[in-house]
Amino acid sequence: MASILIYGFHAVNARLRQNPASVEEVFVDAARQDPRARDLVESAKQLGLRILQVDSKRLDGIAGGPRHQGVAARVTMAQQPRHVDDLLGDLQGDLLLLILDGVQDPHNLGACLRVADAMGANAVIAPKDRAVGLTPTVAKVACGAADTVPYLTVTNLARAMREIKEYGVFIIGTDGEAESEIAQTDASGSVAWVLGAEGTGIRRLTREHCDTLVKIPMYGTVESLNVSVSAGICLYETRRQRGAHA
């Protein structure tokens, strides 16, 4: 399987906790002797992992920039689902999915994966041609959620949405011009929330494959929210409604 470099304390520590067998080697800035770095090195040693002490310039080159906090790791990439059936076929109970249409910024995707993990979403789904992959930046921002939340990229998002509906999933699109607000729609069962990129929203064909459209009410002066903030609001709305109906 292919490997990828992850960097930053949150991403590396999360991988050491969740899937240490996937860690091939750990790089640490030799100049860092603070407790945080020592604790990470000790954890890696206890796991029997290869640890390379390198200078900061070499680590900059390995990580592709200076935003690594002095630590990086080369890891085996988790096997991601390739089809909707692979993703949903064995799942039981009410499903909670997040569909991202047009989100290409790795920081936004990382934050969405983190939100999806926090809200217990089953997966994040995106089109291949308009989506960022699981890059080192995504892994860093996701703080471990890139390893825990399945990320399915599909060739044809509209077709994938039709397949998702076959599993009894109600698809709710978000649109600032929609008449209904999120709290006015029953989102307590098996639900997929669809969000587009900030500013552009979801595409026309994607919108047409939603079962309903809702908006997040805005009470201040800003006209839109970051997609990860919107994702948190929408996914929590399902959790809130499920709790109210329990």
C-alpha atoms as a PDB file:
ATOM      1  CA  MET A   1       0.000   0.000   0.000  1.00  0.00           C
ATOM      2  CA  ALA A   2       1.080   3.592  -0.606  1.00  0.00           C
ATOM      3  CA  SER A   3       2.564   5.711   2.159  1.00  0.00           C
ATOM      4  CA  ILE A   4       2.077   9.353   3.028  1.00  0.00           C
ATOM      5  CA  LEU A   5       3.893  11.818   5.279  1.00  0.00           C
ATOM      6  CA  ILE A   6       1.929  13.332   8.139  1.00  0.00           C
ATOM      7  CA  TYR A   7       3.228  16.082  10.381  1.00  0.00           C
ATOM      8  CA  GLY A   8       2.372  18.005  13.521  1.00  0.00           C
ATOM      9  CA  PHE A   9       1.957  16.705  17.077  1.00  0.00           C
ATOM     10  CA  HIS A  10      -1.794  16.095  16.877  1.00  0.00           C
ATOM     11  CA  ALA A  11      -1.612  14.093  13.651  1.00  0.00           C
ATOM     12  CA  VAL A  12       1.423  12.004  14.653  1.00  0.00           C
ATOM     13  CA  ASN A  13       0.258  11.309  18.224  1.00  0.00           C
ATOM     14  CA  ALA A  14      -3.191  10.334  16.951  1.00  0.00           C
ATOM     15  CA  ARG A  15      -1.645   7.843  14.528  1.00  0.00           C
ATOM     16  CA  LEU A  16       0.583   6.405  17.281  1.00  0.00           C
ATOM     17  CA  ARG A  17      -2.500   5.859  19.463  1.00  0.00           C
ATOM     18  CA  GLN A  18      -4.941   4.630  16.836  1.00  0.00           C
ATOM     19  CA  ASN A  19      -2.841   2.666  14.373  1.00  0.00           C
ATOM     20  CA  PRO A  20       0.824   2.346  15.379  1.00  0.00           C
ATOM     21  CA  ALA A  21       1.343  -0.610  13.045  1.00  0.00           C
ATOM     22  CA  SER A  22       0.912   1.768  10.091  1.00  0.00           C
ATOM     23  CA  VAL A  23       3.812   4.011  11.180  1.00  0.00           C
ATOM     24  CA  GLU A  24       6.939   3.308   9.153  1.00  0.00           C
ATOM     25  CA  GLU A  25       9.273   5.889  10.721  1.00  0.00           C
ATOM     26  CA  VAL A  26       9.152   9.014  12.858  1.00  0.00           C
ATOM     27  CA  PHE A  27      11.153  12.198  12.197  1.00  0.00           C
ATOM     28  CA  VAL A  28      11.902  14.576  15.059  1.00  0.00           C
ATOM     29  CA  ASP A  29      13.737  17.903  15.024  1.00  0.00           C
ATOM     30  CA  ALA A  30      16.946  17.166  16.955  1.00  0.00           C
ATOM     31  CA  ALA A  31      16.840  20.663  18.462  1.00  0.00           C
ATOM     32  CA  ARG A  32      13.538  20.000  20.221  1.00  0.00           C
ATOM     33  CA  GLN A  33      14.189  18.755  23.728  1.00  0.00           C
ATOM     34  CA  ASP A  34      10.977  20.008  25.345  1.00  0.00           C
ATOM     35  CA  PRO A  35       8.596  17.693  27.247  1.00  0.00           C
ATOM     36  CA  ARG A  36       6.147  17.470  24.335  1.00  0.00           C
ATOM     37  CA  ALA A  37       8.822  16.210  21.955  1.00  0.00           C
ATOM     38  CA  ARG A  38      10.347  13.886  24.558  1.00  0.00           C
ATOM     39  CA  ASP A  39       6.950  12.330  25.291  1.00  0.00           C
ATOM     40  CA  LEU A  40       6.351  11.642  21.608  1.00  0.00           C
ATOM     41  CA  VAL A  41       9.801  10.092  21.185  1.00  0.00           C
ATOM     42  CA  GLU A  42       9.242   7.916  24.255  1.00  0.00           C
ATOM     43  CA  SER A  43       5.889   6.726  22.909  1.00  0.00           C
ATOM     44  CA  ALA A  44       7.495   5.831  19.591  1.00  0.00           C
ATOM     45  CA  LYS A  45      10.327   3.997  21.351  1.00  0.00           C
ATOM     46  CA  GLN A  46       7.899   1.931  23.417  1.00  0.00           C
ATOM     47  CA  LEU A  47       6.191   0.904  20.188  1.00  0.00           C
ATOM     48  CA  GLY A  48       9.510  -0.183  18.718  1.00  0.00           C
ATOM     49  CA  LEU A  49       9.359   2.342  15.878  1.00  0.00           C
ATOM     50  CA  ARG A  50      12.265   3.746  13.910  1.00  0.00           C
ATOM     51  CA  ILE A  51      13.026   7.301  15.093  1.00  0.00           C
ATOM     52  CA  LEU A  52      15.186   9.669  13.055  1.00  0.00           C
ATOM     53  CA  GLN A  53      16.614  12.783  14.715  1.00  0.00           C
ATOM     54  CA  VAL A  54      17.111  15.359  11.950  1.00  0.00           C
ATOM     55  CA  ASP A  55      17.899  19.058  11.733  1.00  0.00           C
ATOM     56  CA  SER A  56      15.113  21.549  11.139  1.00  0.00           C
ATOM     57  CA  LYS A  57      16.092  22.313   7.532  1.00  0.00           C
ATOM     58  CA  ARG A  58      15.963  18.659   6.572  1.00  0.00           C
ATOM     59  CA  LEU A  59      12.596  18.331   8.306  1.00  0.00           C
ATOM     60  CA  ASP A  60      11.363  21.357   6.355  1.00  0.00           C
ATOM     61  CA  GLY A  61      12.285  19.529   3.167  1.00  0.00           C
ATOM     62  CA  ILE A  62      10.721  16.243   4.268  1.00  0.00           C
ATOM     63  CA  ALA A  63       7.453  17.892   5.297  1.00  0.00           C
ATOM     64  CA  GLY A  64       7.345  20.286   2.350  1.00  0.00           C
ATOM     65  CA  GLY A  65       7.443  23.390   4.528  1.00  0.00           C
ATOM     66  CA  PRO A  66       8.057  24.688   8.045  1.00  0.00           C
ATOM     67  CA  ARG A  67       4.627  24.067   9.582  1.00  0.00           C
ATOM     68  CA  HIS A  68       5.461  20.663  11.047  1.00  0.00           C
ATOM     69  CA  GLN A  69       6.053  21.650  14.719  1.00  0.00           C
ATOM     70  CA  GLY A  70       9.272  19.650  14.655  1.00  0.00           C
ATOM     71  CA  VAL A  71       7.724  16.226  14.126  1.00  0.00           C
ATOM     72  CA  ALA A  72       6.607  14.133  11.159  1.00  0.00           C
ATOM     73  CA  ALA A  73       5.973  10.477  10.368  1.00  0.00           C
ATOM     74  CA  ARG A  74       5.838   8.344   7.265  1.00  0.00           C
ATOM     75  CA  VAL A  75       2.754   6.135   7.490  1.00  0.00           C
ATOM     76  CA  THR A  76       0.898   3.577   5.427  1.00  0.00           C
ATOM     77  CA  MET A  77      -2.309   5.075   4.082  1.00  0.00           C
ATOM     78  CA  ALA A  78      -5.519   3.552   5.346  1.00  0.00           C
ATOM     79  CA  GLN A  79      -7.531   1.671   2.743  1.00  0.00           C
ATOM     80  CA  GLN A  80     -10.457   3.882   1.785  1.00  0.00           C
ATOM     81  CA  PRO A  81     -13.784   2.561   0.424  1.00  0.00           C
ATOM     82  CA  ARG A  82     -14.070   2.644  -3.360  1.00  0.00           C
ATOM     83  CA  HIS A  83     -17.839   2.351  -3.851  1.00  0.00           C
ATOM     84  CA  VAL A  84     -21.032   3.308  -2.015  1.00  0.00           C
ATOM     85  CA  ASP A  85     -21.844  -0.368  -1.441  1.00  0.00           C
ATOM     86  CA  ASP A  86     -18.401  -0.922   0.107  1.00  0.00           C
ATOM     87  CA  LEU A  87     -19.107   1.955   2.460  1.00  0.00           C
ATOM     88  CA  LEU A  88     -22.720   1.330   3.474  1.00  0.00           C
ATOM     89  CA  GLY A  89     -23.336  -2.359   2.812  1.00  0.00           C
ATOM     90  CA  ASP A  90     -22.528  -3.625   6.304  1.00  0.00           C
ATOM     91  CA  LEU A  91     -23.656  -0.648   8.396  1.00  0.00           C
ATOM     92  CA  GLN A  92     -26.600  -1.023  10.773  1.00  0.00           C
ATOM     93  CA  GLY A  93     -28.997   1.522  12.238  1.00  0.00           C
ATOM     94  CA  ASP A  94     -29.568   5.116  11.182  1.00  0.00           C
ATOM     95  CA  LEU A  95     -26.820   6.497   8.971  1.00  0.00           C
ATOM     96  CA  LEU A  96     -25.257   9.952   9.182  1.00  0.00           C
ATOM     97  CA  LEU A  97     -23.277  11.061   6.122  1.00  0.00           C
ATOM     98  CA  LEU A  98     -21.611  14.278   5.012  1.00  0.00           C
ATOM     99  CA  ILE A  99     -21.410  14.999   1.274  1.00  0.00           C
ATOM    100  CA  LEU A 100     -19.027  17.781   0.213  1.00  0.00           C
ATOM    101  CA  ASP A 101     -19.526  19.253  -3.254  1.00  0.00           C
ATOM    102  CA  GLY A 102     -16.687  21.472  -4.442  1.00  0.00           C
ATOM    103  CA  VAL A 103     -14.548  21.604  -1.277  1.00  0.00           C
ATOM    104  CA  GLN A 104     -10.955  21.733  -2.504  1.00  0.00           C
ATOM    105  CA  ASP A 105      -9.104  23.443   0.337  1.00  0.00           C
ATOM    106  CA  PRO A 106      -7.203  20.908   2.502  1.00  0.00           C
ATOM    107  CA  HIS A 107      -7.761  22.939   5.670  1.00  0.00           C
ATOM    108  CA  ASN A 108     -11.519  22.875   5.082  1.00  0.00           C
ATOM    109  CA  LEU A 109     -11.529  19.138   4.408  1.00  0.00           C
ATOM    110  CA  GLY A 110      -9.433  18.440   7.490  1.00  0.00           C
ATOM    111  CA  ALA A 111     -11.790  20.487   9.630  1.00  0.00           C
ATOM    112  CA  CYS A 112     -14.826  18.731   8.103  1.00  0.00           C
ATOM    113  CA  LEU A 113     -13.327  15.314   8.888  1.00  0.00           C
ATOM    114  CA  ARG A 114     -12.732  16.439  12.469  1.00  0.00           C
ATOM    115  CA  VAL A 115     -16.336  17.627  12.782  1.00  0.00           C
ATOM    116  CA  ALA A 116     -17.611  14.406  11.195  1.00  0.00           C
ATOM    117  CA  ASP A 117     -15.664  12.354  13.724  1.00  0.00           C
ATOM    118  CA  ALA A 118     -16.944  14.465  16.628  1.00  0.00           C
ATOM    119  CA  MET A 119     -20.573  14.027  15.526  1.00  0.00           C
ATOM    120  CA  GLY A 120     -20.206  10.305  14.836  1.00  0.00           C
ATOM    121  CA  ALA A 121     -20.755  10.524  11.082  1.00  0.00           C
ATOM    122  CA  ASN A 122     -20.328   7.279   9.182  1.00  0.00           C
ATOM    123  CA  ALA A 123     -18.415   8.814   6.286  1.00  0.00           C
ATOM    124  CA  VAL A 124     -17.551  11.876   4.225  1.00  0.00           C
ATOM    125  CA  ILE A 125     -18.221  11.644   0.480  1.00  0.00           C
ATOM    126  CA  ALA A 126     -16.928  13.906  -2.289  1.00  0.00           C
ATOM    127  CA  PRO A 127     -16.508  13.918  -6.082  1.00  0.00           C
ATOM    128  CA  LYS A 128     -13.063  13.021  -7.411  1.00  0.00           C
ATOM    129  CA  ASP A 129     -12.885  15.909  -9.863  1.00  0.00           C
ATOM    130  CA  ARG A 130     -13.692  18.678  -7.386  1.00  0.00           C
ATOM    131  CA  ALA A 131     -12.149  17.554  -4.132  1.00  0.00           C
ATOM    132  CA  VAL A 132      -8.849  17.540  -2.322  1.00  0.00           C
ATOM    133  CA  GLY A 133      -7.325  14.192  -1.405  1.00  0.00           C
ATOM    134  CA  LEU A 134      -6.049  13.047   1.972  1.00  0.00           C
ATOM    135  CA  THR A 135      -2.920  15.198   1.990  1.00  0.00           C
ATOM    136  CA  PRO A 136      -0.511  15.774   4.909  1.00  0.00           C
ATOM    137  CA  THR A 137      -2.205  19.134   5.529  1.00  0.00           C
ATOM    138  CA  VAL A 138      -5.605  17.433   5.714  1.00  0.00           C
ATOM    139  CA  ALA A 139      -4.252  14.911   8.211  1.00  0.00           C
ATOM    140  CA  LYS A 140      -2.698  17.637  10.371  1.00  0.00           C
ATOM    141  CA  VAL A 141      -5.874  19.729  10.507  1.00  0.00           C
ATOM    142  CA  ALA A 142      -8.056  16.658  11.074  1.00  0.00           C
ATOM    143  CA  CYS A 143      -6.134  15.780  14.264  1.00  0.00           C
ATOM    144  CA  GLY A 144      -6.531  12.038  13.736  1.00  0.00           C
ATOM    145  CA  ALA A 145      -9.975  12.065  12.134  1.00  0.00           C
ATOM    146  CA  ALA A 146      -8.472  11.301   8.709  1.00  0.00           C
ATOM    147  CA  ASP A 147      -7.786   7.828  10.141  1.00  0.00           C
ATOM    148  CA  THR A 148     -11.176   7.299  11.774  1.00  0.00           C
ATOM    149  CA  VAL A 149     -13.712   8.698   9.279  1.00  0.00           C
ATOM    150  CA  PRO A 150     -13.982   6.923   5.901  1.00  0.00           C
ATOM    151  CA  TYR A 151     -13.487   9.309   2.981  1.00  0.00           C
ATOM    152  CA  LEU A 152     -15.101   8.135  -0.247  1.00  0.00           C
ATOM    153  CA  THR A 153     -14.399   9.937  -3.525  1.00  0.00           C
ATOM    154  CA  VAL A 154     -16.732   9.098  -6.408  1.00  0.00           C
ATOM    155  CA  THR A 155     -16.524   9.666 -10.150  1.00  0.00           C
ATOM    156  CA  ASN A 156     -20.176  10.688 -10.472  1.00  0.00           C
ATOM    157  CA  LEU A 157     -21.640  12.384  -7.402  1.00  0.00           C
ATOM    158  CA  ALA A 158     -25.218  12.427  -8.720  1.00  0.00           C
ATOM    159  CA  ARG A 159     -25.128   8.660  -9.298  1.00  0.00           C
ATOM    160  CA  ALA A 160     -23.610   8.105  -5.882  1.00  0.00           C
ATOM    161  CA  MET A 161     -26.444  10.112  -4.328  1.00  0.00           C
ATOM    162  CA  ARG A 162     -29.003   7.899  -6.091  1.00  0.00           C
ATOM    163  CA  GLU A 163     -27.210   4.829  -4.723  1.00  0.00           C
ATOM    164  CA  ILE A 164     -27.179   6.321  -1.235  1.00  0.00           C
ATOM    165  CA  LYS A 165     -30.955   6.834  -1.415  1.00  0.00           C
ATOM    166  CA  GLU A 166     -31.347   3.093  -2.046  1.00  0.00           C
ATOM    167  CA  TYR A 167     -30.155   2.588   1.539  1.00  0.00           C
ATOM    168  CA  GLY A 168     -33.067   4.642   2.833  1.00  0.00           C
ATOM    169  CA  VAL A 169     -31.014   7.779   3.357  1.00  0.00           C
ATOM    170  CA  PHE A 170     -32.806  11.136   3.206  1.00  0.00           C
ATOM    171  CA  ILE A 171     -30.551  13.679   1.457  1.00  0.00           C
ATOM    172  CA  ILE A 172     -30.688  17.256   2.706  1.00  0.00           C
ATOM    173  CA  GLY A 173     -28.949  19.972   0.708  1.00  0.00           C
ATOM    174  CA  THR A 174     -27.964  23.321   2.171  1.00  0.00           C
ATOM    175  CA  ASP A 175     -28.818  26.464   0.249  1.00  0.00           C
ATOM    176  CA  GLY A 176     -28.866  30.003   1.558  1.00  0.00           C
ATOM    177  CA  GLU A 177     -31.927  30.755  -0.593  1.00  0.00           C
ATOM    178  CA  ALA A 178     -34.003  27.794   0.645  1.00  0.00           C
ATOM    179  CA  GLU A 179     -37.348  28.550   2.261  1.00  0.00           C
ATOM    180  CA  SER A 180     -37.056  26.068   5.158  1.00  0.00           C
ATOM    181  CA  GLU A 181     -34.559  26.306   8.003  1.00  0.00           C
ATOM    182  CA  ILE A 182     -32.634  23.279   9.244  1.00  0.00           C
ATOM    183  CA  ALA A 183     -34.695  22.896  12.418  1.00  0.00           C
ATOM    184  CA  GLN A 184     -37.916  22.737  10.381  1.00  0.00           C
ATOM    185  CA  THR A 185     -36.886  19.543   8.552  1.00  0.00           C
ATOM    186  CA  ASP A 186     -36.986  16.054  10.032  1.00  0.00           C
ATOM    187  CA  ALA A 187     -33.313  15.046  10.087  1.00  0.00           C
ATOM    188  CA  SER A 188     -33.560  12.406  12.788  1.00  0.00           C
ATOM    189  CA  GLY A 189     -33.406   9.256  10.638  1.00  0.00           C
ATOM    190  CA  SER A 190     -30.806   8.122   8.118  1.00  0.00           C
ATOM    191  CA  VAL A 191     -29.547  11.405   6.706  1.00  0.00           C
ATOM    192  CA  ALA A 192     -26.908  12.737   4.333  1.00  0.00           C
ATOM    193  CA  TRP A 193     -26.139  16.445   4.586  1.00  0.00           C
ATOM    194  CA  VAL A 194     -24.855  18.087   1.390  1.00  0.00           C
ATOM    195  CA  LEU A 195     -22.665  21.170   1.594  1.00  0.00           C
ATOM    196  CA  GLY A 196     -20.852  23.136  -1.088  1.00  0.00           C
ATOM    197  CA  ALA A 197     -17.832  25.389  -0.976  1.00  0.00           C
ATOM    198  CA  GLU A 198     -18.201  28.771   0.695  1.00  0.00           C
ATOM    199  CA  GLY A 199     -19.371  31.333  -1.830  1.00  0.00           C
ATOM    200  CA  THR A 200     -20.351  28.911  -4.604  1.00  0.00           C
ATOM    201  CA  GLY A 201     -22.616  26.452  -2.795  1.00  0.00           C
ATOM    202  CA  ILE A 202     -23.663  23.112  -4.217  1.00  0.00           C
ATOM    203  CA  ARG A 203     -23.881  22.571  -7.975  1.00  0.00           C
ATOM    204  CA  ARG A 204     -27.183  22.529  -9.847  1.00  0.00           C
ATOM    205  CA  LEU A 205     -27.155  18.791 -10.595  1.00  0.00           C
ATOM    206  CA  THR A 206     -26.230  18.006  -7.002  1.00  0.00           C
ATOM    207  CA  ARG A 207     -29.051  20.235  -5.783  1.00  0.00           C
ATOM    208  CA  GLU A 208     -31.535  18.413  -8.027  1.00  0.00           C
ATOM    209  CA  HIS A 209     -30.651  15.078  -6.412  1.00  0.00           C
ATOM    210  CA  CYS A 210     -31.362  16.319  -2.886  1.00  0.00           C
ATOM    211  CA  ASP A 211     -34.682  15.335  -1.296  1.00  0.00           C
ATOM    212  CA  THR A 212     -35.043  18.769   0.238  1.00  0.00           C
ATOM    213  CA  LEU A 213     -33.142  22.034   0.629  1.00  0.00           C
ATOM    214  CA  VAL A 214     -32.694  23.953   3.868  1.00  0.00           C
ATOM    215  CA  LYS A 215     -30.816  26.997   5.039  1.00  0.00           C
ATOM    216  CA  ILE A 216     -28.896  27.832   8.176  1.00  0.00           C
ATOM    217  CA  PRO A 217     -30.479  31.040   9.505  1.00  0.00           C
ATOM    218  CA  MET A 218     -28.053  33.968   9.736  1.00  0.00           C
ATOM    219  CA  TYR A 219     -28.707  36.586  12.404  1.00  0.00           C
ATOM    220  CA  GLY A 220     -25.629  38.769  12.036  1.00  0.00           C
ATOM    221  CA  THR A 221     -23.972  40.668   9.217  1.00  0.00           C
ATOM    222  CA  VAL A 222     -21.960  37.879   7.537  1.00  0.00           C
ATOM    223  CA  GLU A 223     -23.565  36.234   4.529  1.00  0.00           C
ATOM    224  CA  SER A 224     -22.017  32.761   4.783  1.00  0.00           C
ATOM    225  CA  LEU A 225     -20.116  30.380   7.052  1.00  0.00           C
ATOM    226  CA  ASN A 226     -17.015  28.304   6.538  1.00  0.00           C
ATOM    227  CA  VAL A 227     -18.031  24.860   5.265  1.00  0.00           C
ATOM    228  CA  SER A 228     -16.688  23.084   8.349  1.00  0.00           C
ATOM    229  CA  VAL A 229     -18.733  25.365  10.624  1.00  0.00           C
ATOM    230  CA  SER A 230     -21.831  24.667   8.540  1.00  0.00           C
ATOM    231  CA  ALA A 231     -21.065  20.938   8.663  1.00  0.00           C
ATOM    232  CA  GLY A 232     -20.891  21.048  12.443  1.00  0.00           C
ATOM    233  CA  ILE A 233     -24.246  22.828  12.686  1.00  0.00           C
ATOM    234  CA  CYS A 234     -25.957  20.398  10.292  1.00  0.00           C
ATOM    235  CA  LEU A 235     -24.543  17.197  11.782  1.00  0.00           C
ATOM    236  CA  TYR A 236     -25.348  18.382  15.292  1.00  0.00           C
ATOM    237  CA  GLU A 237     -28.926  19.124  14.211  1.00  0.00           C
ATOM    238  CA  THR A 238     -29.360  15.428  13.410  1.00  0.00           C
ATOM    239  CA  ARG A 239     -27.889  14.476  16.786  1.00  0.00           C
ATOM    240  CA  ARG A 240     -30.145  17.009  18.522  1.00  0.00           C
ATOM    241  CA  GLN A 241     -33.274  15.693  16.797  1.00  0.00           C
ATOM    242  CA  ARG A 242     -32.375  12.076  17.484  1.00  0.00           C
ATOM    243  CA  GLY A 243     -31.965  12.915  21.160  1.00  0.00           C
ATOM    244  CA  ALA A 244     -35.297  14.693  21.231  1.00  0.00           C
ATOM    245  CA  HIS A 245     -37.037  11.688  19.649  1.00  0.00           C
ATOM    246  CA  ALA A 246     -35.382   9.123  21.925  1.00  0.00           C
END
